[in-house]
């Protein structure tokens, strides 16, 4: 019996640090995917950028920022001020703030993770600009978000309403998640 346990532990150790230990996070241990994956994100303060980088690392995906032509100042982001730039944009469903040209073509990818902070219980309008500027039909769009208090559900519901021809998954809110939790979720989406 001891020999059998030793053999089983040796086999299991290929994917873990020791029998009963934690999985190694080594790139060659990651499952291969025949899908081409892109991680895109809009991040006004850096929080969503951090999560996007962790997602890209989890599957060795390409990553690109949905960058506004004009960066947001602290005053622009003051949601208490009804005349702030972000408040004005979010009140107007047709607002499409200009974004910088990307050095990749999202249409070249099979799965596109789209990250954003939740503003007014929705995706910021830059996400709409990104979606409308690219041909994303036939791709799987996987939303992810960060938020100080909202869930992602209403954001996803709104994106599906606005873009019914796109395949948009349920996505996930990724506040304070471990690298392992992010990696497990990302792998479940591809």
C-alpha atoms as a PDB file:
ATOM      1  CA  UNK A   1       0.000   0.000   0.000  1.00  0.00           C
ATOM      2  CA  UNK A   2       2.860   2.372   0.831  1.00  0.00           C
ATOM      3  CA  UNK A   3       4.414   1.658  -2.603  1.00  0.00           C
ATOM      4  CA  UNK A   4       1.114   2.455  -4.351  1.00  0.00           C
ATOM      5  CA  UNK A   5       0.776   5.743  -2.471  1.00  0.00           C
ATOM      6  CA  UNK A   6       4.370   6.662  -3.393  1.00  0.00           C
ATOM      7  CA  UNK A   7       3.693   5.958  -7.083  1.00  0.00           C
ATOM      8  CA  UNK A   8       0.456   7.953  -7.044  1.00  0.00           C
ATOM      9  CA  UNK A   9       2.178  10.862  -5.291  1.00  0.00           C
ATOM     10  CA  UNK A  10       5.011  10.765  -7.828  1.00  0.00           C
ATOM     11  CA  UNK A  11       2.522  10.955 -10.706  1.00  0.00           C
ATOM     12  CA  UNK A  12       0.549  13.720  -9.055  1.00  0.00           C
ATOM     13  CA  UNK A  13       3.760  15.639  -8.327  1.00  0.00           C
ATOM     14  CA  UNK A  14       4.159  16.316 -12.032  1.00  0.00           C
ATOM     15  CA  UNK A  15       1.435  18.937 -11.703  1.00  0.00           C
ATOM     16  CA  UNK A  16       1.847  19.848  -8.050  1.00  0.00           C
ATOM     17  CA  UNK A  17       4.616  20.916  -5.709  1.00  0.00           C
ATOM     18  CA  UNK A  18       4.224  17.822  -3.549  1.00  0.00           C
ATOM     19  CA  UNK A  19       1.659  15.182  -2.803  1.00  0.00           C
ATOM     20  CA  UNK A  20      -1.277  17.182  -1.497  1.00  0.00           C
ATOM     21  CA  UNK A  21       0.457  20.480  -2.384  1.00  0.00           C
ATOM     22  CA  UNK A  22      -0.601  23.410  -4.504  1.00  0.00           C
ATOM     23  CA  UNK A  23      -0.435  23.464  -8.296  1.00  0.00           C
ATOM     24  CA  UNK A  24       2.571  25.174  -9.832  1.00  0.00           C
ATOM     25  CA  UNK A  25       1.870  28.243 -11.910  1.00  0.00           C
ATOM     26  CA  UNK A  26       4.357  27.537 -14.678  1.00  0.00           C
ATOM     27  CA  UNK A  27       3.553  28.503 -18.242  1.00  0.00           C
ATOM     28  CA  UNK A  28       4.333  25.051 -19.689  1.00  0.00           C
ATOM     29  CA  UNK A  29       1.737  23.577 -17.310  1.00  0.00           C
ATOM     30  CA  UNK A  30      -1.004  25.697 -18.873  1.00  0.00           C
ATOM     31  CA  UNK A  31      -3.344  23.926 -21.254  1.00  0.00           C
ATOM     32  CA  UNK A  32      -2.854  24.732 -24.899  1.00  0.00           C
ATOM     33  CA  UNK A  33      -5.773  26.297 -26.713  1.00  0.00           C
ATOM     34  CA  UNK A  34      -6.269  26.341 -30.438  1.00  0.00           C
ATOM     35  CA  UNK A  35      -8.158  29.605 -29.989  1.00  0.00           C
ATOM     36  CA  UNK A  36      -6.484  32.951 -30.527  1.00  0.00           C
ATOM     37  CA  UNK A  37      -7.124  35.040 -27.403  1.00  0.00           C
ATOM     38  CA  UNK A  38      -7.023  38.804 -26.910  1.00  0.00           C
ATOM     39  CA  UNK A  39      -7.418  40.689 -23.644  1.00  0.00           C
ATOM     40  CA  UNK A  40      -8.670  44.258 -24.021  1.00  0.00           C
ATOM     41  CA  UNK A  41      -9.352  46.664 -21.218  1.00  0.00           C
ATOM     42  CA  UNK A  42     -10.334  50.215 -20.359  1.00  0.00           C
ATOM     43  CA  UNK A  43      -8.849  51.369 -17.066  1.00  0.00           C
ATOM     44  CA  UNK A  44      -9.075  54.931 -15.797  1.00  0.00           C
ATOM     45  CA  UNK A  45      -7.153  54.349 -12.554  1.00  0.00           C
ATOM     46  CA  UNK A  46      -5.096  51.177 -13.169  1.00  0.00           C
ATOM     47  CA  UNK A  47      -7.251  48.713 -11.228  1.00  0.00           C
ATOM     48  CA  UNK A  48      -8.748  47.034 -14.293  1.00  0.00           C
ATOM     49  CA  UNK A  49      -5.363  47.124 -16.041  1.00  0.00           C
ATOM     50  CA  UNK A  50      -3.877  44.997 -13.260  1.00  0.00           C
ATOM     51  CA  UNK A  51      -6.615  42.383 -13.646  1.00  0.00           C
ATOM     52  CA  UNK A  52      -6.254  42.415 -17.457  1.00  0.00           C
ATOM     53  CA  UNK A  53      -2.533  41.741 -17.175  1.00  0.00           C
ATOM     54  CA  UNK A  54      -3.214  38.811 -14.860  1.00  0.00           C
ATOM     55  CA  UNK A  55      -5.773  37.383 -17.298  1.00  0.00           C
ATOM     56  CA  UNK A  56      -3.347  37.706 -20.223  1.00  0.00           C
ATOM     57  CA  UNK A  57      -0.630  36.012 -18.165  1.00  0.00           C
ATOM     58  CA  UNK A  58      -2.945  33.119 -17.296  1.00  0.00           C
ATOM     59  CA  UNK A  59      -3.230  32.058 -20.941  1.00  0.00           C
ATOM     60  CA  UNK A  60      -0.299  33.868 -22.590  1.00  0.00           C
ATOM     61  CA  UNK A  61      -2.789  36.027 -24.495  1.00  0.00           C
ATOM     62  CA  UNK A  62      -2.147  39.238 -26.381  1.00  0.00           C
ATOM     63  CA  UNK A  63      -3.235  42.329 -24.473  1.00  0.00           C
ATOM     64  CA  UNK A  64      -4.199  45.819 -25.617  1.00  0.00           C
ATOM     65  CA  UNK A  65      -5.630  48.843 -23.855  1.00  0.00           C
ATOM     66  CA  UNK A  66      -8.866  50.517 -24.912  1.00  0.00           C
ATOM     67  CA  UNK A  67      -7.186  53.882 -24.412  1.00  0.00           C
ATOM     68  CA  UNK A  68      -9.120  57.133 -24.553  1.00  0.00           C
ATOM     69  CA  UNK A  69      -7.670  59.794 -26.834  1.00  0.00           C
ATOM     70  CA  UNK A  70      -7.946  62.176 -23.907  1.00  0.00           C
ATOM     71  CA  UNK A  71      -6.893  60.696 -20.554  1.00  0.00           C
ATOM     72  CA  UNK A  72      -9.247  61.117 -17.600  1.00  0.00           C
ATOM     73  CA  UNK A  73      -8.307  63.475 -14.800  1.00  0.00           C
ATOM     74  CA  UNK A  74      -9.412  63.065 -11.216  1.00  0.00           C
ATOM     75  CA  UNK A  75     -12.015  65.787 -11.817  1.00  0.00           C
ATOM     76  CA  UNK A  76     -13.277  63.925 -14.904  1.00  0.00           C
ATOM     77  CA  UNK A  77     -13.901  60.848 -12.755  1.00  0.00           C
ATOM     78  CA  UNK A  78     -15.758  62.647  -9.943  1.00  0.00           C
ATOM     79  CA  UNK A  79     -19.069  60.833 -10.067  1.00  0.00           C
ATOM     80  CA  UNK A  80     -20.476  63.159  -7.382  1.00  0.00           C
ATOM     81  CA  UNK A  81     -20.196  66.045  -9.873  1.00  0.00           C
ATOM     82  CA  UNK A  82     -23.047  65.801 -12.384  1.00  0.00           C
ATOM     83  CA  UNK A  83     -21.054  67.964 -14.815  1.00  0.00           C
ATOM     84  CA  UNK A  84     -17.884  65.832 -14.707  1.00  0.00           C
ATOM     85  CA  UNK A  85     -16.790  64.263 -17.974  1.00  0.00           C
ATOM     86  CA  UNK A  86     -17.620  60.705 -16.881  1.00  0.00           C
ATOM     87  CA  UNK A  87     -21.028  61.742 -15.514  1.00  0.00           C
ATOM     88  CA  UNK A  88     -21.951  63.516 -18.746  1.00  0.00           C
ATOM     89  CA  UNK A  89     -20.808  60.553 -20.882  1.00  0.00           C
ATOM     90  CA  UNK A  90     -22.710  58.020 -18.810  1.00  0.00           C
ATOM     91  CA  UNK A  91     -25.943  60.051 -18.870  1.00  0.00           C
ATOM     92  CA  UNK A  92     -25.889  59.967 -22.669  1.00  0.00           C
ATOM     93  CA  UNK A  93     -26.372  56.424 -24.013  1.00  0.00           C
ATOM     94  CA  UNK A  94     -25.218  57.608 -27.448  1.00  0.00           C
ATOM     95  CA  UNK A  95     -21.925  59.019 -26.160  1.00  0.00           C
ATOM     96  CA  UNK A  96     -18.922  57.345 -27.812  1.00  0.00           C
ATOM     97  CA  UNK A  97     -15.710  58.872 -26.461  1.00  0.00           C
ATOM     98  CA  UNK A  98     -12.813  58.670 -28.907  1.00  0.00           C
ATOM     99  CA  UNK A  99     -10.287  55.888 -28.322  1.00  0.00           C
ATOM    100  CA  UNK A 100      -6.787  55.488 -29.694  1.00  0.00           C
ATOM    101  CA  UNK A 101      -6.145  53.206 -32.622  1.00  0.00           C
ATOM    102  CA  UNK A 102      -5.008  49.742 -31.571  1.00  0.00           C
ATOM    103  CA  UNK A 103      -1.949  47.990 -32.925  1.00  0.00           C
ATOM    104  CA  UNK A 104      -3.903  44.729 -33.239  1.00  0.00           C
ATOM    105  CA  UNK A 105      -7.049  43.806 -35.129  1.00  0.00           C
ATOM    106  CA  UNK A 106      -9.549  42.276 -32.677  1.00  0.00           C
ATOM    107  CA  UNK A 107     -11.260  40.544 -35.621  1.00  0.00           C
ATOM    108  CA  UNK A 108      -8.175  38.309 -35.866  1.00  0.00           C
ATOM    109  CA  UNK A 109      -9.012  36.671 -32.520  1.00  0.00           C
ATOM    110  CA  UNK A 110     -11.504  33.978 -31.509  1.00  0.00           C
ATOM    111  CA  UNK A 111     -12.004  34.976 -27.874  1.00  0.00           C
ATOM    112  CA  UNK A 112     -11.856  38.582 -26.710  1.00  0.00           C
ATOM    113  CA  UNK A 113     -11.831  39.409 -23.020  1.00  0.00           C
ATOM    114  CA  UNK A 114     -13.170  42.939 -22.515  1.00  0.00           C
ATOM    115  CA  UNK A 115     -12.414  44.540 -19.165  1.00  0.00           C
ATOM    116  CA  UNK A 116     -13.704  47.717 -17.598  1.00  0.00           C
ATOM    117  CA  UNK A 117     -14.531  49.423 -14.325  1.00  0.00           C
ATOM    118  CA  UNK A 118     -18.260  49.583 -13.745  1.00  0.00           C
ATOM    119  CA  UNK A 119     -19.578  53.132 -14.012  1.00  0.00           C
ATOM    120  CA  UNK A 120     -23.179  53.863 -13.087  1.00  0.00           C
ATOM    121  CA  UNK A 121     -23.860  50.098 -13.096  1.00  0.00           C
ATOM    122  CA  UNK A 122     -22.737  49.893 -16.767  1.00  0.00           C
ATOM    123  CA  UNK A 123     -19.662  49.488 -18.918  1.00  0.00           C
ATOM    124  CA  UNK A 124     -18.069  52.888 -19.622  1.00  0.00           C
ATOM    125  CA  UNK A 125     -18.908  54.317 -23.045  1.00  0.00           C
ATOM    126  CA  UNK A 126     -15.344  53.615 -24.276  1.00  0.00           C
ATOM    127  CA  UNK A 127     -16.325  49.940 -24.347  1.00  0.00           C
ATOM    128  CA  UNK A 128     -19.161  50.816 -26.735  1.00  0.00           C
ATOM    129  CA  UNK A 129     -16.726  52.768 -28.898  1.00  0.00           C
ATOM    130  CA  UNK A 130     -14.433  49.719 -29.003  1.00  0.00           C
ATOM    131  CA  UNK A 131     -17.213  47.270 -29.862  1.00  0.00           C
ATOM    132  CA  UNK A 132     -18.671  49.491 -32.585  1.00  0.00           C
ATOM    133  CA  UNK A 133     -15.252  50.207 -34.120  1.00  0.00           C
ATOM    134  CA  UNK A 134     -14.451  46.519 -34.632  1.00  0.00           C
ATOM    135  CA  UNK A 135     -15.995  43.570 -36.419  1.00  0.00           C
ATOM    136  CA  UNK A 136     -16.638  41.177 -33.535  1.00  0.00           C
ATOM    137  CA  UNK A 137     -19.373  38.949 -34.971  1.00  0.00           C
ATOM    138  CA  UNK A 138     -18.454  35.284 -34.658  1.00  0.00           C
ATOM    139  CA  UNK A 139     -16.116  35.944 -31.737  1.00  0.00           C
ATOM    140  CA  UNK A 140     -16.762  35.113 -28.112  1.00  0.00           C
ATOM    141  CA  UNK A 141     -16.765  38.271 -25.995  1.00  0.00           C
ATOM    142  CA  UNK A 142     -15.937  37.649 -22.337  1.00  0.00           C
ATOM    143  CA  UNK A 143     -16.586  40.678 -20.115  1.00  0.00           C
ATOM    144  CA  UNK A 144     -14.723  41.189 -16.865  1.00  0.00           C
ATOM    145  CA  UNK A 145     -15.008  44.126 -14.529  1.00  0.00           C
ATOM    146  CA  UNK A 146     -13.840  45.781 -11.356  1.00  0.00           C
ATOM    147  CA  UNK A 147     -16.139  47.750  -9.114  1.00  0.00           C
ATOM    148  CA  UNK A 148     -16.374  49.394  -5.740  1.00  0.00           C
ATOM    149  CA  UNK A 149     -19.942  48.240  -5.207  1.00  0.00           C
ATOM    150  CA  UNK A 150     -21.773  47.104  -8.349  1.00  0.00           C
ATOM    151  CA  UNK A 151     -22.144  43.637  -9.816  1.00  0.00           C
ATOM    152  CA  UNK A 152     -21.393  42.866 -13.458  1.00  0.00           C
ATOM    153  CA  UNK A 153     -24.851  41.537 -14.323  1.00  0.00           C
ATOM    154  CA  UNK A 154     -26.458  44.814 -15.404  1.00  0.00           C
ATOM    155  CA  UNK A 155     -23.421  45.754 -17.496  1.00  0.00           C
ATOM    156  CA  UNK A 156     -23.590  42.445 -19.355  1.00  0.00           C
ATOM    157  CA  UNK A 157     -27.365  42.729 -19.772  1.00  0.00           C
ATOM    158  CA  UNK A 158     -26.936  46.198 -21.282  1.00  0.00           C
ATOM    159  CA  UNK A 159     -24.155  45.075 -23.657  1.00  0.00           C
ATOM    160  CA  UNK A 160     -26.311  42.170 -24.844  1.00  0.00           C
ATOM    161  CA  UNK A 161     -29.242  44.555 -25.401  1.00  0.00           C
ATOM    162  CA  UNK A 162     -27.090  46.934 -27.432  1.00  0.00           C
ATOM    163  CA  UNK A 163     -25.268  44.219 -29.406  1.00  0.00           C
ATOM    164  CA  UNK A 164     -27.685  41.303 -29.854  1.00  0.00           C
ATOM    165  CA  UNK A 165     -25.695  39.831 -32.767  1.00  0.00           C
ATOM    166  CA  UNK A 166     -22.608  39.290 -30.598  1.00  0.00           C
ATOM    167  CA  UNK A 167     -21.868  36.293 -28.410  1.00  0.00           C
ATOM    168  CA  UNK A 168     -21.321  37.827 -24.973  1.00  0.00           C
ATOM    169  CA  UNK A 169     -20.761  35.516 -22.018  1.00  0.00           C
ATOM    170  CA  UNK A 170     -21.900  36.205 -18.449  1.00  0.00           C
ATOM    171  CA  UNK A 171     -18.455  37.499 -17.569  1.00  0.00           C
ATOM    172  CA  UNK A 172     -17.194  37.992 -14.059  1.00  0.00           C
ATOM    173  CA  UNK A 173     -16.514  40.689 -11.509  1.00  0.00           C
ATOM    174  CA  UNK A 174     -12.851  40.334 -10.510  1.00  0.00           C
ATOM    175  CA  UNK A 175     -12.290  42.294  -7.320  1.00  0.00           C
ATOM    176  CA  UNK A 176      -9.459  41.078  -5.091  1.00  0.00           C
ATOM    177  CA  UNK A 177      -9.259  37.667  -6.777  1.00  0.00           C
ATOM    178  CA  UNK A 178      -6.174  35.487  -6.410  1.00  0.00           C
ATOM    179  CA  UNK A 179      -4.101  34.668  -9.479  1.00  0.00           C
ATOM    180  CA  UNK A 180      -5.295  31.062  -9.167  1.00  0.00           C
ATOM    181  CA  UNK A 181      -8.973  32.097  -9.107  1.00  0.00           C
ATOM    182  CA  UNK A 182      -8.461  34.316 -12.143  1.00  0.00           C
ATOM    183  CA  UNK A 183      -6.573  31.591 -13.988  1.00  0.00           C
ATOM    184  CA  UNK A 184      -9.246  28.975 -13.202  1.00  0.00           C
ATOM    185  CA  UNK A 185     -12.007  31.293 -14.428  1.00  0.00           C
ATOM    186  CA  UNK A 186     -10.155  32.292 -17.597  1.00  0.00           C
ATOM    187  CA  UNK A 187      -9.485  28.654 -18.486  1.00  0.00           C
ATOM    188  CA  UNK A 188     -13.184  27.859 -17.986  1.00  0.00           C
ATOM    189  CA  UNK A 189     -14.096  30.595 -20.493  1.00  0.00           C
ATOM    190  CA  UNK A 190     -11.900  29.401 -23.342  1.00  0.00           C
END
